Amino acid sequence: MTKDELLEAIDQVHDVFSLENNEEQSRAFRITAEHFAFCTMKQMLLFITGIGGSGKSHVIKAIVTLFKWCGCPENLLLSAPTGCAAVLIDGYTIHALTFLPGGESVAKQSDLEAI
């Protein structure tokens, strides 16, 4: 996908999800999309927070859609603090993703780096 096609996809997803109606949602999406488009860093960690009903899942779904449209859904890893939130975004709980001890197993550094 060329840069122009990628920028067009970003605008289309932005419009499809009506993110222009909420400045903070639009900003969170644009930060992620521009990082993806311009590869400014090897990895980006983004924390989206807000009260219930503020549109966190909506923004995440827009980001997931962008990555799918661009053929790169495997480049995105989603995590949430609770099981309910993880289900809503089709992601993992923070504990499951980082192998936080819940029993006798201890996460190995190599396992975390592989993620």
N, C-alpha and C. Protein backbone atom coordinates (compact mmCIF):
# COMPACT_ATOMS: atom_id res chain seq x y z
N MET A 1 0.85 -1.17 0.00
CA MET A 1 0.00 0.00 0.00
C MET A 1 0.90 1.24 0.00
N THR A 2 0.63 2.16 -0.91
CA THR A 2 1.44 3.38 -0.98
C THR A 2 1.05 4.33 0.15
N LYS A 3 1.88 5.33 0.38
CA LYS A 3 1.60 6.32 1.43
C LYS A 3 0.29 7.06 1.13
N ASP A 4 0.07 7.39 -0.14
CA ASP A 4 -1.17 8.09 -0.50
C ASP A 4 -2.40 7.22 -0.23
N GLU A 5 -2.31 5.93 -0.56
CA GLU A 5 -3.42 5.01 -0.30
C GLU A 5 -3.64 4.85 1.20
N LEU A 6 -2.55 4.81 1.94
CA LEU A 6 -2.65 4.68 3.39
C LEU A 6 -3.30 5.92 4.00
N LEU A 7 -2.90 7.09 3.56
CA LEU A 7 -3.50 8.32 4.06
C LEU A 7 -4.98 8.40 3.70
N GLU A 8 -5.33 7.92 2.52
CA GLU A 8 -6.74 7.87 2.10
C GLU A 8 -7.53 6.90 3.00
N ALA A 9 -6.93 5.76 3.31
CA ALA A 9 -7.59 4.78 4.20
C ALA A 9 -7.80 5.39 5.58
N ILE A 10 -6.83 6.14 6.07
CA ILE A 10 -6.96 6.79 7.38
C ILE A 10 -8.15 7.74 7.37
N ASP A 11 -8.25 8.55 6.34
CA ASP A 11 -9.37 9.49 6.24
C ASP A 11 -10.71 8.76 6.13
N GLN A 12 -10.74 7.67 5.37
CA GLN A 12 -11.98 6.92 5.20
C GLN A 12 -12.45 6.30 6.52
N VAL A 13 -11.52 5.67 7.24
CA VAL A 13 -11.88 5.07 8.54
C VAL A 13 -12.34 6.16 9.49
N HIS A 14 -11.64 7.28 9.50
CA HIS A 14 -12.01 8.41 10.35
C HIS A 14 -13.45 8.84 10.07
N ASP A 15 -13.80 8.89 8.78
CA ASP A 15 -15.15 9.29 8.39
C ASP A 15 -16.19 8.22 8.71
N VAL A 16 -15.88 6.97 8.42
CA VAL A 16 -16.81 5.86 8.66
C VAL A 16 -17.20 5.80 10.14
N PHE A 17 -16.25 6.04 11.03
CA PHE A 17 -16.50 5.97 12.46
C PHE A 17 -16.93 7.32 13.05
N SER A 18 -17.11 8.31 12.20
CA SER A 18 -17.56 9.66 12.62
C SER A 18 -16.74 10.21 13.78
N LEU A 19 -15.44 10.07 13.68
CA LEU A 19 -14.57 10.53 14.76
C LEU A 19 -14.44 12.05 14.79
N GLU A 20 -14.85 12.71 13.73
CA GLU A 20 -14.77 14.17 13.71
C GLU A 20 -15.74 14.80 14.72
N ASN A 21 -16.69 14.02 15.21
CA ASN A 21 -17.67 14.53 16.17
C ASN A 21 -17.11 14.63 17.59
N ASN A 22 -15.93 14.05 17.83
CA ASN A 22 -15.33 14.07 19.16
C ASN A 22 -13.83 14.32 19.00
N GLU A 23 -13.39 15.47 19.46
CA GLU A 23 -11.99 15.89 19.27
C GLU A 23 -11.00 14.90 19.90
N GLU A 24 -11.30 14.41 21.09
CA GLU A 24 -10.38 13.50 21.77
C GLU A 24 -10.31 12.14 21.07
N GLN A 25 -11.45 11.64 20.61
CA GLN A 25 -11.44 10.38 19.86
C GLN A 25 -10.65 10.55 18.57
N SER A 26 -10.88 11.65 17.89
CA SER A 26 -10.18 11.92 16.65
C SER A 26 -8.67 11.99 16.88
N ARG A 27 -8.27 12.68 17.95
CA ARG A 27 -6.84 12.82 18.27
C ARG A 27 -6.20 11.46 18.55
N ALA A 28 -6.85 10.62 19.34
CA ALA A 28 -6.30 9.30 19.66
C ALA A 28 -6.15 8.45 18.40
N PHE A 29 -7.16 8.51 17.54
CA PHE A 29 -7.09 7.75 16.29
C PHE A 29 -5.97 8.28 15.40
N ARG A 30 -5.89 9.60 15.24
CA ARG A 30 -4.89 10.21 14.35
C ARG A 30 -3.46 9.93 14.85
N ILE A 31 -3.25 9.98 16.16
CA ILE A 31 -1.92 9.69 16.70
C ILE A 31 -1.49 8.28 16.29
N THR A 32 -2.38 7.33 16.47
CA THR A 32 -2.07 5.94 16.12
C THR A 32 -1.90 5.77 14.61
N ALA A 33 -2.80 6.36 13.84
CA ALA A 33 -2.77 6.22 12.39
C ALA A 33 -1.51 6.84 11.80
N GLU A 34 -1.12 8.00 12.29
CA GLU A 34 0.08 8.66 11.77
C GLU A 34 1.34 7.89 12.15
N HIS A 35 1.34 7.33 13.35
CA HIS A 35 2.48 6.48 13.73
C HIS A 35 2.57 5.29 12.77
N PHE A 36 1.43 4.68 12.50
CA PHE A 36 1.38 3.54 11.59
C PHE A 36 1.82 3.94 10.19
N ALA A 37 1.35 5.08 9.71
CA ALA A 37 1.65 5.53 8.34
C ALA A 37 3.10 5.93 8.16
N PHE A 38 3.66 6.60 9.16
CA PHE A 38 5.00 7.16 9.00
C PHE A 38 6.08 6.40 9.74
N CYS A 39 5.69 5.34 10.47
CA CYS A 39 6.65 4.47 11.18
C CYS A 39 7.70 5.28 11.92
N THR A 40 7.27 6.19 12.77
CA THR A 40 8.19 7.06 13.48
C THR A 40 8.96 6.34 14.59
N MET A 41 8.42 5.23 15.06
CA MET A 41 9.08 4.43 16.09
C MET A 41 8.87 2.96 15.76
N LYS A 42 9.72 2.12 16.34
CA LYS A 42 9.56 0.69 16.11
C LYS A 42 8.26 0.19 16.73
N GLN A 43 7.96 0.64 17.93
CA GLN A 43 6.77 0.18 18.64
C GLN A 43 6.11 1.37 19.31
N MET A 44 4.79 1.36 19.32
CA MET A 44 4.05 2.41 20.01
C MET A 44 3.17 1.77 21.06
N LEU A 45 3.19 2.33 22.25
CA LEU A 45 2.30 1.90 23.32
C LEU A 45 1.34 3.05 23.57
N LEU A 46 0.05 2.78 23.45
CA LEU A 46 -0.96 3.82 23.62
C LEU A 46 -1.95 3.39 24.68
N PHE A 47 -2.17 4.26 25.64
CA PHE A 47 -3.13 4.02 26.72
C PHE A 47 -4.32 4.92 26.49
N ILE A 48 -5.48 4.34 26.27
CA ILE A 48 -6.70 5.11 26.06
C ILE A 48 -7.55 4.96 27.32
N THR A 49 -7.90 6.07 27.92
CA THR A 49 -8.66 6.03 29.16
C THR A 49 -9.85 6.98 29.08
N GLY A 50 -10.79 6.79 29.96
CA GLY A 50 -11.96 7.65 30.03
C GLY A 50 -13.05 6.97 30.82
N ILE A 51 -14.07 7.74 31.15
CA ILE A 51 -15.18 7.17 31.91
C ILE A 51 -15.99 6.24 31.01
N GLY A 52 -16.82 5.41 31.63
CA GLY A 52 -17.67 4.51 30.88
C GLY A 52 -18.54 5.28 29.90
N GLY A 53 -18.60 4.81 28.67
CA GLY A 53 -19.42 5.46 27.66
C GLY A 53 -18.75 6.60 26.92
N SER A 54 -17.46 6.82 27.19
CA SER A 54 -16.76 7.94 26.54
C SER A 54 -16.27 7.61 25.13
N GLY A 55 -16.36 6.34 24.72
CA GLY A 55 -15.99 5.98 23.36
C GLY A 55 -14.64 5.32 23.19
N LYS A 56 -14.09 4.78 24.26
CA LYS A 56 -12.79 4.12 24.17
C LYS A 56 -12.84 2.94 23.20
N SER A 57 -13.82 2.09 23.35
CA SER A 57 -13.95 0.91 22.47
C SER A 57 -14.21 1.34 21.02
N HIS A 58 -14.94 2.42 20.83
CA HIS A 58 -15.23 2.92 19.49
C HIS A 58 -13.93 3.32 18.78
N VAL A 59 -13.06 4.02 19.48
CA VAL A 59 -11.77 4.43 18.91
C VAL A 59 -10.92 3.20 18.60
N ILE A 60 -10.90 2.25 19.51
CA ILE A 60 -10.11 1.03 19.31
C ILE A 60 -10.63 0.27 18.11
N LYS A 61 -11.93 0.18 17.94
CA LYS A 61 -12.50 -0.49 16.77
C LYS A 61 -12.12 0.22 15.48
N ALA A 62 -12.04 1.53 15.50
CA ALA A 62 -11.59 2.29 14.32
C ALA A 62 -10.14 1.97 14.01
N ILE A 63 -9.31 1.89 15.02
CA ILE A 63 -7.89 1.56 14.83
C ILE A 63 -7.75 0.15 14.27
N VAL A 64 -8.50 -0.79 14.83
CA VAL A 64 -8.47 -2.18 14.34
C VAL A 64 -8.91 -2.23 12.88
N THR A 65 -9.95 -1.49 12.54
CA THR A 65 -10.43 -1.45 11.16
C THR A 65 -9.36 -0.92 10.22
N LEU A 66 -8.66 0.13 10.62
CA LEU A 66 -7.58 0.67 9.78
C LEU A 66 -6.52 -0.39 9.52
N PHE A 67 -6.09 -1.09 10.56
CA PHE A 67 -5.06 -2.11 10.40
C PHE A 67 -5.55 -3.25 9.50
N LYS A 68 -6.84 -3.62 9.62
CA LYS A 68 -7.40 -4.67 8.76
C LYS A 68 -7.44 -4.22 7.31
N TRP A 69 -7.93 -2.99 7.07
CA TRP A 69 -8.01 -2.46 5.71
C TRP A 69 -6.64 -2.40 5.05
N CYS A 70 -5.61 -2.18 5.86
CA CYS A 70 -4.25 -2.07 5.32
C CYS A 70 -3.53 -3.42 5.27
N GLY A 71 -4.22 -4.48 5.68
CA GLY A 71 -3.66 -5.82 5.62
C GLY A 71 -2.61 -6.10 6.67
N CYS A 72 -2.69 -5.41 7.80
CA CYS A 72 -1.70 -5.58 8.86
C CYS A 72 -2.33 -5.82 10.24
N PRO A 73 -3.38 -6.62 10.36
CA PRO A 73 -4.00 -6.77 11.67
C PRO A 73 -3.08 -7.44 12.69
N GLU A 74 -2.11 -8.21 12.20
CA GLU A 74 -1.19 -8.89 13.12
C GLU A 74 -0.20 -7.93 13.78
N ASN A 75 -0.13 -6.69 13.31
CA ASN A 75 0.77 -5.70 13.89
C ASN A 75 0.15 -4.98 15.09
N LEU A 76 -1.04 -5.38 15.47
CA LEU A 76 -1.77 -4.71 16.53
C LEU A 76 -2.05 -5.70 17.65
N LEU A 77 -1.74 -5.32 18.86
CA LEU A 77 -1.99 -6.16 20.03
C LEU A 77 -2.79 -5.34 21.03
N LEU A 78 -3.96 -5.84 21.42
CA LEU A 78 -4.86 -5.10 22.29
C LEU A 78 -4.94 -5.71 23.67
N SER A 79 -4.98 -4.84 24.67
CA SER A 79 -5.02 -5.28 26.05
C SER A 79 -5.96 -4.38 26.84
N ALA A 80 -6.60 -4.95 27.86
CA ALA A 80 -7.50 -4.19 28.73
C ALA A 80 -7.34 -4.70 30.16
N PRO A 81 -7.68 -3.87 31.14
CA PRO A 81 -7.46 -4.28 32.53
C PRO A 81 -8.43 -5.34 33.05
N THR A 82 -9.62 -5.43 32.47
CA THR A 82 -10.59 -6.41 32.95
C THR A 82 -11.01 -7.35 31.84
N GLY A 83 -11.56 -8.47 32.22
CA GLY A 83 -12.04 -9.43 31.23
C GLY A 83 -13.14 -8.87 30.37
N CYS A 84 -14.08 -8.14 30.97
CA CYS A 84 -15.19 -7.55 30.21
C CYS A 84 -14.67 -6.57 29.16
N ALA A 85 -13.73 -5.72 29.55
CA ALA A 85 -13.17 -4.75 28.62
C ALA A 85 -12.39 -5.45 27.51
N ALA A 86 -11.67 -6.51 27.85
CA ALA A 86 -10.91 -7.26 26.86
C ALA A 86 -11.83 -7.90 25.83
N VAL A 87 -12.95 -8.42 26.28
CA VAL A 87 -13.93 -9.02 25.37
C VAL A 87 -14.49 -7.97 24.41
N LEU A 88 -14.78 -6.79 24.92
CA LEU A 88 -15.35 -5.72 24.08
C LEU A 88 -14.44 -5.32 22.92
N ILE A 89 -13.13 -5.38 23.14
CA ILE A 89 -12.18 -4.97 22.10
C ILE A 89 -11.53 -6.16 21.41
N ASP A 90 -11.98 -7.37 21.76
CA ASP A 90 -11.40 -8.59 21.20
C ASP A 90 -9.90 -8.64 21.45
N GLY A 91 -9.54 -8.35 22.71
CA GLY A 91 -8.13 -8.33 23.11
C GLY A 91 -7.87 -9.28 24.26
N TYR A 92 -6.83 -8.99 24.99
CA TYR A 92 -6.40 -9.80 26.13
C TYR A 92 -6.47 -8.96 27.40
N THR A 93 -6.56 -9.62 28.53
CA THR A 93 -6.38 -8.89 29.77
C THR A 93 -4.89 -8.61 29.93
N ILE A 94 -4.58 -7.59 30.67
CA ILE A 94 -3.18 -7.24 30.90
C ILE A 94 -2.46 -8.42 31.55
N HIS A 95 -3.13 -9.09 32.49
CA HIS A 95 -2.52 -10.21 33.18
C HIS A 95 -2.20 -11.36 32.22
N ALA A 96 -3.14 -11.68 31.34
CA ALA A 96 -2.92 -12.78 30.40
C ALA A 96 -1.82 -12.43 29.39
N LEU A 97 -1.82 -11.20 28.96
CA LEU A 97 -0.86 -10.78 27.94
C LEU A 97 0.57 -10.74 28.46
N THR A 98 0.73 -10.36 29.71
CA THR A 98 2.09 -10.22 30.27
C THR A 98 2.48 -11.39 31.16
N PHE A 99 1.68 -12.44 31.17
CA PHE A 99 1.97 -13.65 31.96
C PHE A 99 2.15 -13.33 33.45
N LEU A 100 1.38 -12.37 33.96
CA LEU A 100 1.50 -12.05 35.38
C LEU A 100 1.16 -13.29 36.18
N PRO A 101 1.92 -13.54 37.22
CA PRO A 101 1.72 -14.77 37.99
C PRO A 101 0.31 -14.88 38.56
N GLY A 102 -0.31 -15.97 38.24
CA GLY A 102 -1.61 -16.28 38.79
C GLY A 102 -1.52 -17.62 39.47
N GLY A 103 -0.38 -18.19 39.39
CA GLY A 103 -0.17 -19.51 39.96
C GLY A 103 1.32 -19.71 40.17
N GLU A 104 1.79 -20.86 39.75
CA GLU A 104 3.19 -21.20 39.98
C GLU A 104 4.10 -20.80 38.83
N SER A 105 3.55 -20.49 37.68
CA SER A 105 4.39 -20.15 36.53
C SER A 105 4.88 -18.71 36.62
N VAL A 106 6.11 -18.51 36.18
CA VAL A 106 6.71 -17.19 36.16
C VAL A 106 7.06 -16.87 34.72
N ALA A 107 6.74 -15.65 34.30
CA ALA A 107 7.02 -15.25 32.91
C ALA A 107 8.51 -15.17 32.69
N LYS A 108 8.90 -15.63 31.52
CA LYS A 108 10.31 -15.53 31.13
C LYS A 108 10.47 -14.26 30.29
N GLN A 109 11.59 -13.60 30.43
CA GLN A 109 11.87 -12.37 29.68
C GLN A 109 11.73 -12.62 28.18
N SER A 110 12.20 -13.78 27.70
CA SER A 110 12.14 -14.08 26.28
C SER A 110 10.69 -14.20 25.79
N ASP A 111 9.80 -14.74 26.65
CA ASP A 111 8.38 -14.84 26.28
C ASP A 111 7.75 -13.46 26.13
N LEU A 112 8.06 -12.56 27.06
CA LEU A 112 7.52 -11.20 26.99
C LEU A 112 8.07 -10.46 25.78
N GLU A 113 9.36 -10.63 25.49
CA GLU A 113 9.96 -9.97 24.34
C GLU A 113 9.38 -10.49 23.03
N ALA A 114 8.98 -11.76 22.99
CA ALA A 114 8.41 -12.34 21.78
C ALA A 114 7.06 -11.71 21.44
N ILE A 115 6.33 -11.30 22.47
CA ILE A 115 5.04 -10.64 22.25
C ILE A 115 5.27 -9.30 21.63
